[in-house]
Amino acid sequence: MNIIQTKILAYINSYKQENGFAPTVAEIGVFANMAPPSALYNLQRMEAEGVIKRTSGVRGILTQEGEVSYTAKQFQVIQAIQDLQAGAVKVTLDSLAKKLSLSAVTIREHLIRLEQKGVVSRNPIQIVAKPMQVITQQQPAPEAVPA
């Protein structure tokens, strides 16, 4: 792996940590100051070397095969879904975008990843959070409140 590819890998990891999903080839090109075909070439070389795995989809880049993790933003999306459900509000892209002050496109990307991880289910009308056993285990336990 060359220096540019090392920088691209660091960018992918940083982007995924911040956003919960990988950057597009075009975004990688902007970061690396290269045209998208050149960015794609570098990703193909990185995949051939086993550094990344590419899957179908615009943001289909995995840096560790089989990785399952939740970003802070994904936890915020899950919490917002639960809050809206508790208030008997229909959970839609627009209601989540408004609650979290994020674009519907960003919310959609998070929901796709969360659905792939089996945490939420979507249909054209509503979004439903599934039981959060796995997620609640990853969150810190609440401190005991003295009686």
C-alpha atoms as a PDB file:
ATOM      1  CA  MET A   1       0.000   0.000   0.000  1.00  0.00           C
ATOM      2  CA  ASN A   2       1.407   3.383  -0.978  1.00  0.00           C
ATOM      3  CA  ILE A   3       1.246   6.700   0.923  1.00  0.00           C
ATOM      4  CA  ILE A   4      -1.903   7.887  -0.873  1.00  0.00           C
ATOM      5  CA  GLN A   5      -3.685   4.620  -0.117  1.00  0.00           C
ATOM      6  CA  THR A   6      -2.627   4.853   3.527  1.00  0.00           C
ATOM      7  CA  LYS A   7      -4.146   8.345   3.690  1.00  0.00           C
ATOM      8  CA  ILE A   8      -7.312   7.106   1.958  1.00  0.00           C
ATOM      9  CA  LEU A   9      -7.641   4.277   4.487  1.00  0.00           C
ATOM     10  CA  ALA A  10      -7.246   6.725   7.377  1.00  0.00           C
ATOM     11  CA  TYR A  11      -9.887   8.971   5.772  1.00  0.00           C
ATOM     12  CA  ILE A  12     -12.306   6.054   5.325  1.00  0.00           C
ATOM     13  CA  ASN A  13     -11.885   5.004   8.964  1.00  0.00           C
ATOM     14  CA  SER A  14     -12.277   8.568  10.222  1.00  0.00           C
ATOM     15  CA  TYR A  15     -15.322   9.193   8.028  1.00  0.00           C
ATOM     16  CA  LYS A  16     -16.944   5.949   9.161  1.00  0.00           C
ATOM     17  CA  GLN A  17     -16.288   6.744  12.816  1.00  0.00           C
ATOM     18  CA  GLU A  18     -17.872  10.173  12.434  1.00  0.00           C
ATOM     19  CA  ASN A  19     -20.798   9.264  10.174  1.00  0.00           C
ATOM     20  CA  GLY A  20     -21.443   5.568  10.659  1.00  0.00           C
ATOM     21  CA  PHE A  21     -20.973   4.731   6.994  1.00  0.00           C
ATOM     22  CA  ALA A  22     -18.205   4.906   4.434  1.00  0.00           C
ATOM     23  CA  PRO A  23     -17.578   7.842   2.097  1.00  0.00           C
ATOM     24  CA  THR A  24     -18.485   7.577  -1.579  1.00  0.00           C
ATOM     25  CA  VAL A  25     -15.822   7.211  -4.247  1.00  0.00           C
ATOM     26  CA  ALA A  26     -16.463  10.854  -5.198  1.00  0.00           C
ATOM     27  CA  GLU A  27     -15.917  11.985  -1.578  1.00  0.00           C
ATOM     28  CA  ILE A  28     -12.684   9.974  -1.429  1.00  0.00           C
ATOM     29  CA  GLY A  29     -11.619  11.650  -4.675  1.00  0.00           C
ATOM     30  CA  VAL A  30     -12.276  15.104  -3.225  1.00  0.00           C
ATOM     31  CA  PHE A  31     -10.320  14.202  -0.078  1.00  0.00           C
ATOM     32  CA  ALA A  32      -7.356  12.832  -2.056  1.00  0.00           C
ATOM     33  CA  ASN A  33      -7.539  15.601  -4.682  1.00  0.00           C
ATOM     34  CA  MET A  34      -8.078  13.141  -7.519  1.00  0.00           C
ATOM     35  CA  ALA A  35     -10.789  12.334 -10.037  1.00  0.00           C
ATOM     36  CA  PRO A  36     -13.297   9.621  -9.030  1.00  0.00           C
ATOM     37  CA  PRO A  37     -11.810   7.093 -11.527  1.00  0.00           C
ATOM     38  CA  SER A  38      -8.419   7.515  -9.837  1.00  0.00           C
ATOM     39  CA  ALA A  39     -10.004   7.102  -6.406  1.00  0.00           C
ATOM     40  CA  LEU A  40     -11.765   3.965  -7.650  1.00  0.00           C
ATOM     41  CA  TYR A  41      -8.471   2.611  -8.983  1.00  0.00           C
ATOM     42  CA  ASN A  42      -6.853   3.095  -5.572  1.00  0.00           C
ATOM     43  CA  LEU A  43      -9.783   1.391  -3.833  1.00  0.00           C
ATOM     44  CA  GLN A  44      -9.524  -1.545  -6.244  1.00  0.00           C
ATOM     45  CA  ARG A  45      -5.801  -1.863  -5.485  1.00  0.00           C
ATOM     46  CA  MET A  46      -6.509  -1.699  -1.731  1.00  0.00           C
ATOM     47  CA  GLU A  47      -9.147  -4.397  -2.113  1.00  0.00           C
ATOM     48  CA  ALA A  48      -6.754  -6.581  -4.126  1.00  0.00           C
ATOM     49  CA  GLU A  49      -4.254  -6.258  -1.263  1.00  0.00           C
ATOM     50  CA  GLY A  50      -6.919  -7.258   1.276  1.00  0.00           C
ATOM     51  CA  VAL A  51      -6.865  -3.905   3.076  1.00  0.00           C
ATOM     52  CA  ILE A  52     -10.545  -3.207   2.438  1.00  0.00           C
ATOM     53  CA  LYS A  53     -13.557  -5.121   1.209  1.00  0.00           C
ATOM     54  CA  ARG A  54     -16.005  -3.454  -1.140  1.00  0.00           C
ATOM     55  CA  THR A  55     -19.656  -4.425  -1.203  1.00  0.00           C
ATOM     56  CA  SER A  56     -22.518  -3.370  -3.419  1.00  0.00           C
ATOM     57  CA  GLY A  57     -23.920   0.095  -2.885  1.00  0.00           C
ATOM     58  CA  VAL A  58     -22.622   3.621  -3.079  1.00  0.00           C
ATOM     59  CA  ARG A  59     -21.027   3.468   0.373  1.00  0.00           C
ATOM     60  CA  GLY A  60     -20.038  -0.190   0.362  1.00  0.00           C
ATOM     61  CA  ILE A  61     -16.542  -0.116   1.854  1.00  0.00           C
ATOM     62  CA  LEU A  62     -15.610  -2.261   4.852  1.00  0.00           C
ATOM     63  CA  THR A  63     -12.242  -1.880   6.519  1.00  0.00           C
ATOM     64  CA  GLN A  64     -12.646  -4.970   8.686  1.00  0.00           C
ATOM     65  CA  GLU A  65     -14.624  -7.900   7.354  1.00  0.00           C
ATOM     66  CA  GLY A  66     -17.652  -8.621   9.483  1.00  0.00           C
ATOM     67  CA  GLU A  67     -17.302  -5.530  11.650  1.00  0.00           C
ATOM     68  CA  VAL A  68     -20.331  -4.727  13.807  1.00  0.00           C
ATOM     69  CA  SER A  69     -20.149  -1.491  15.691  1.00  0.00           C
ATOM     70  CA  TYR A  70     -22.391   1.463  16.380  1.00  0.00           C
ATOM     71  CA  THR A  71     -21.297   5.063  16.088  1.00  0.00           C
ATOM     72  CA  ALA A  72     -22.461   7.833  18.379  1.00  0.00           C
ATOM     73  CA  LYS A  73     -24.711   9.134  15.584  1.00  0.00           C
ATOM     74  CA  GLN A  74     -26.271   5.702  15.132  1.00  0.00           C
ATOM     75  CA  PHE A  75     -27.026   5.586  18.855  1.00  0.00           C
ATOM     76  CA  GLN A  76     -28.622   9.041  18.510  1.00  0.00           C
ATOM     77  CA  VAL A  77     -30.812   7.790  15.675  1.00  0.00           C
ATOM     78  CA  ILE A  78     -31.884   4.755  17.706  1.00  0.00           C
ATOM     79  CA  GLN A  79     -32.633   6.922  20.744  1.00  0.00           C
ATOM     80  CA  ALA A  80     -34.632   9.351  18.588  1.00  0.00           C
ATOM     81  CA  ILE A  81     -36.684   6.475  17.165  1.00  0.00           C
ATOM     82  CA  GLN A  82     -37.398   5.202  20.669  1.00  0.00           C
ATOM     83  CA  ASP A  83     -38.310   8.710  21.891  1.00  0.00           C
ATOM     84  CA  LEU A  84     -40.673   9.286  18.978  1.00  0.00           C
ATOM     85  CA  GLN A  85     -42.257   5.852  19.447  1.00  0.00           C
ATOM     86  CA  ALA A  86     -42.739   6.524  23.181  1.00  0.00           C
ATOM     87  CA  GLY A  87     -44.550   9.764  22.310  1.00  0.00           C
ATOM     88  CA  ALA A  88     -46.805   7.899  19.867  1.00  0.00           C
ATOM     89  CA  VAL A  89     -45.342   9.913  16.989  1.00  0.00           C
ATOM     90  CA  LYS A  90     -45.093   8.237  13.589  1.00  0.00           C
ATOM     91  CA  VAL A  91     -41.383   7.718  12.931  1.00  0.00           C
ATOM     92  CA  THR A  92     -40.452   8.832   9.412  1.00  0.00           C
ATOM     93  CA  LEU A  93     -37.319  10.161   7.736  1.00  0.00           C
ATOM     94  CA  ASP A  94     -38.699  13.685   8.124  1.00  0.00           C
ATOM     95  CA  SER A  95     -39.554  13.309  11.828  1.00  0.00           C
ATOM     96  CA  LEU A  96     -36.075  11.892  12.546  1.00  0.00           C
ATOM     97  CA  ALA A  97     -34.353  14.562  10.456  1.00  0.00           C
ATOM     98  CA  LYS A  98     -36.241  17.282  12.318  1.00  0.00           C
ATOM     99  CA  LYS A  99     -35.571  15.777  15.760  1.00  0.00           C
ATOM    100  CA  LEU A 100     -31.838  15.293  15.088  1.00  0.00           C
ATOM    101  CA  SER A 101     -31.272  18.366  12.874  1.00  0.00           C
ATOM    102  CA  LEU A 102     -29.767  16.185  10.155  1.00  0.00           C
ATOM    103  CA  SER A 103     -30.649  15.829   6.491  1.00  0.00           C
ATOM    104  CA  ALA A 104     -33.050  13.097   5.416  1.00  0.00           C
ATOM    105  CA  VAL A 105     -30.239  11.675   3.247  1.00  0.00           C
ATOM    106  CA  THR A 106     -27.959  11.318   6.273  1.00  0.00           C
ATOM    107  CA  ILE A 107     -30.754   9.752   8.329  1.00  0.00           C
ATOM    108  CA  ARG A 108     -31.456   7.339   5.481  1.00  0.00           C
ATOM    109  CA  GLU A 109     -27.792   6.245   5.369  1.00  0.00           C
ATOM    110  CA  HIS A 110     -27.822   5.591   9.134  1.00  0.00           C
ATOM    111  CA  LEU A 111     -31.094   3.658   8.848  1.00  0.00           C
ATOM    112  CA  ILE A 112     -29.723   1.486   6.050  1.00  0.00           C
ATOM    113  CA  ARG A 113     -26.729   0.567   8.220  1.00  0.00           C
ATOM    114  CA  LEU A 114     -28.885  -0.028  11.291  1.00  0.00           C
ATOM    115  CA  GLU A 115     -31.277  -2.182   9.278  1.00  0.00           C
ATOM    116  CA  GLN A 116     -28.344  -4.245   7.984  1.00  0.00           C
ATOM    117  CA  LYS A 117     -27.293  -4.752  11.604  1.00  0.00           C
ATOM    118  CA  GLY A 118     -30.827  -5.882  12.485  1.00  0.00           C
ATOM    119  CA  VAL A 119     -31.535  -2.982  14.838  1.00  0.00           C
ATOM    120  CA  VAL A 120     -34.372  -1.253  12.970  1.00  0.00           C
ATOM    121  CA  SER A 121     -36.893  -2.195  10.329  1.00  0.00           C
ATOM    122  CA  ARG A 122     -38.241   0.137   7.676  1.00  0.00           C
ATOM    123  CA  ASN A 123     -41.193   0.190   5.379  1.00  0.00           C
ATOM    124  CA  PRO A 124     -42.276   3.007   3.062  1.00  0.00           C
ATOM    125  CA  ILE A 125     -44.540   4.433   5.752  1.00  0.00           C
ATOM    126  CA  GLN A 126     -42.842   4.021   9.122  1.00  0.00           C
ATOM    127  CA  ILE A 127     -39.583   3.118  10.889  1.00  0.00           C
ATOM    128  CA  VAL A 128     -39.665   0.784  13.886  1.00  0.00           C
ATOM    129  CA  ALA A 129     -36.921   0.131  16.427  1.00  0.00           C
ATOM    130  CA  LYS A 130     -36.521  -3.522  17.305  1.00  0.00           C
ATOM    131  CA  PRO A 131     -35.769  -4.646  20.880  1.00  0.00           C
ATOM    132  CA  MET A 132     -32.426  -3.141  21.871  1.00  0.00           C
ATOM    133  CA  GLN A 133     -30.819  -5.965  23.850  1.00  0.00           C
ATOM    134  CA  VAL A 134     -27.492  -5.785  21.982  1.00  0.00           C
ATOM    135  CA  ILE A 135     -27.336  -2.001  22.050  1.00  0.00           C
ATOM    136  CA  THR A 136     -28.282  -1.552  25.680  1.00  0.00           C
ATOM    137  CA  GLN A 137     -25.455  -3.910  26.613  1.00  0.00           C
ATOM    138  CA  GLN A 138     -22.980  -1.599  24.887  1.00  0.00           C
ATOM    139  CA  GLN A 139     -24.200   1.545  26.648  1.00  0.00           C
ATOM    140  CA  PRO A 140     -22.819   2.399  30.094  1.00  0.00           C
ATOM    141  CA  ALA A 141     -25.013   1.306  32.961  1.00  0.00           C
ATOM    142  CA  PRO A 142     -26.914   4.149  34.665  1.00  0.00           C
ATOM    143  CA  GLU A 143     -25.608   5.173  38.040  1.00  0.00           C
ATOM    144  CA  ALA A 144     -27.684   4.171  41.038  1.00  0.00           C
ATOM    145  CA  VAL A 145     -29.798   6.965  42.461  1.00  0.00           C
ATOM    146  CA  PRO A 146     -29.842   7.082  46.279  1.00  0.00           C
ATOM    147  CA  ALA A 147     -33.297   6.531  47.715  1.00  0.00           C
END
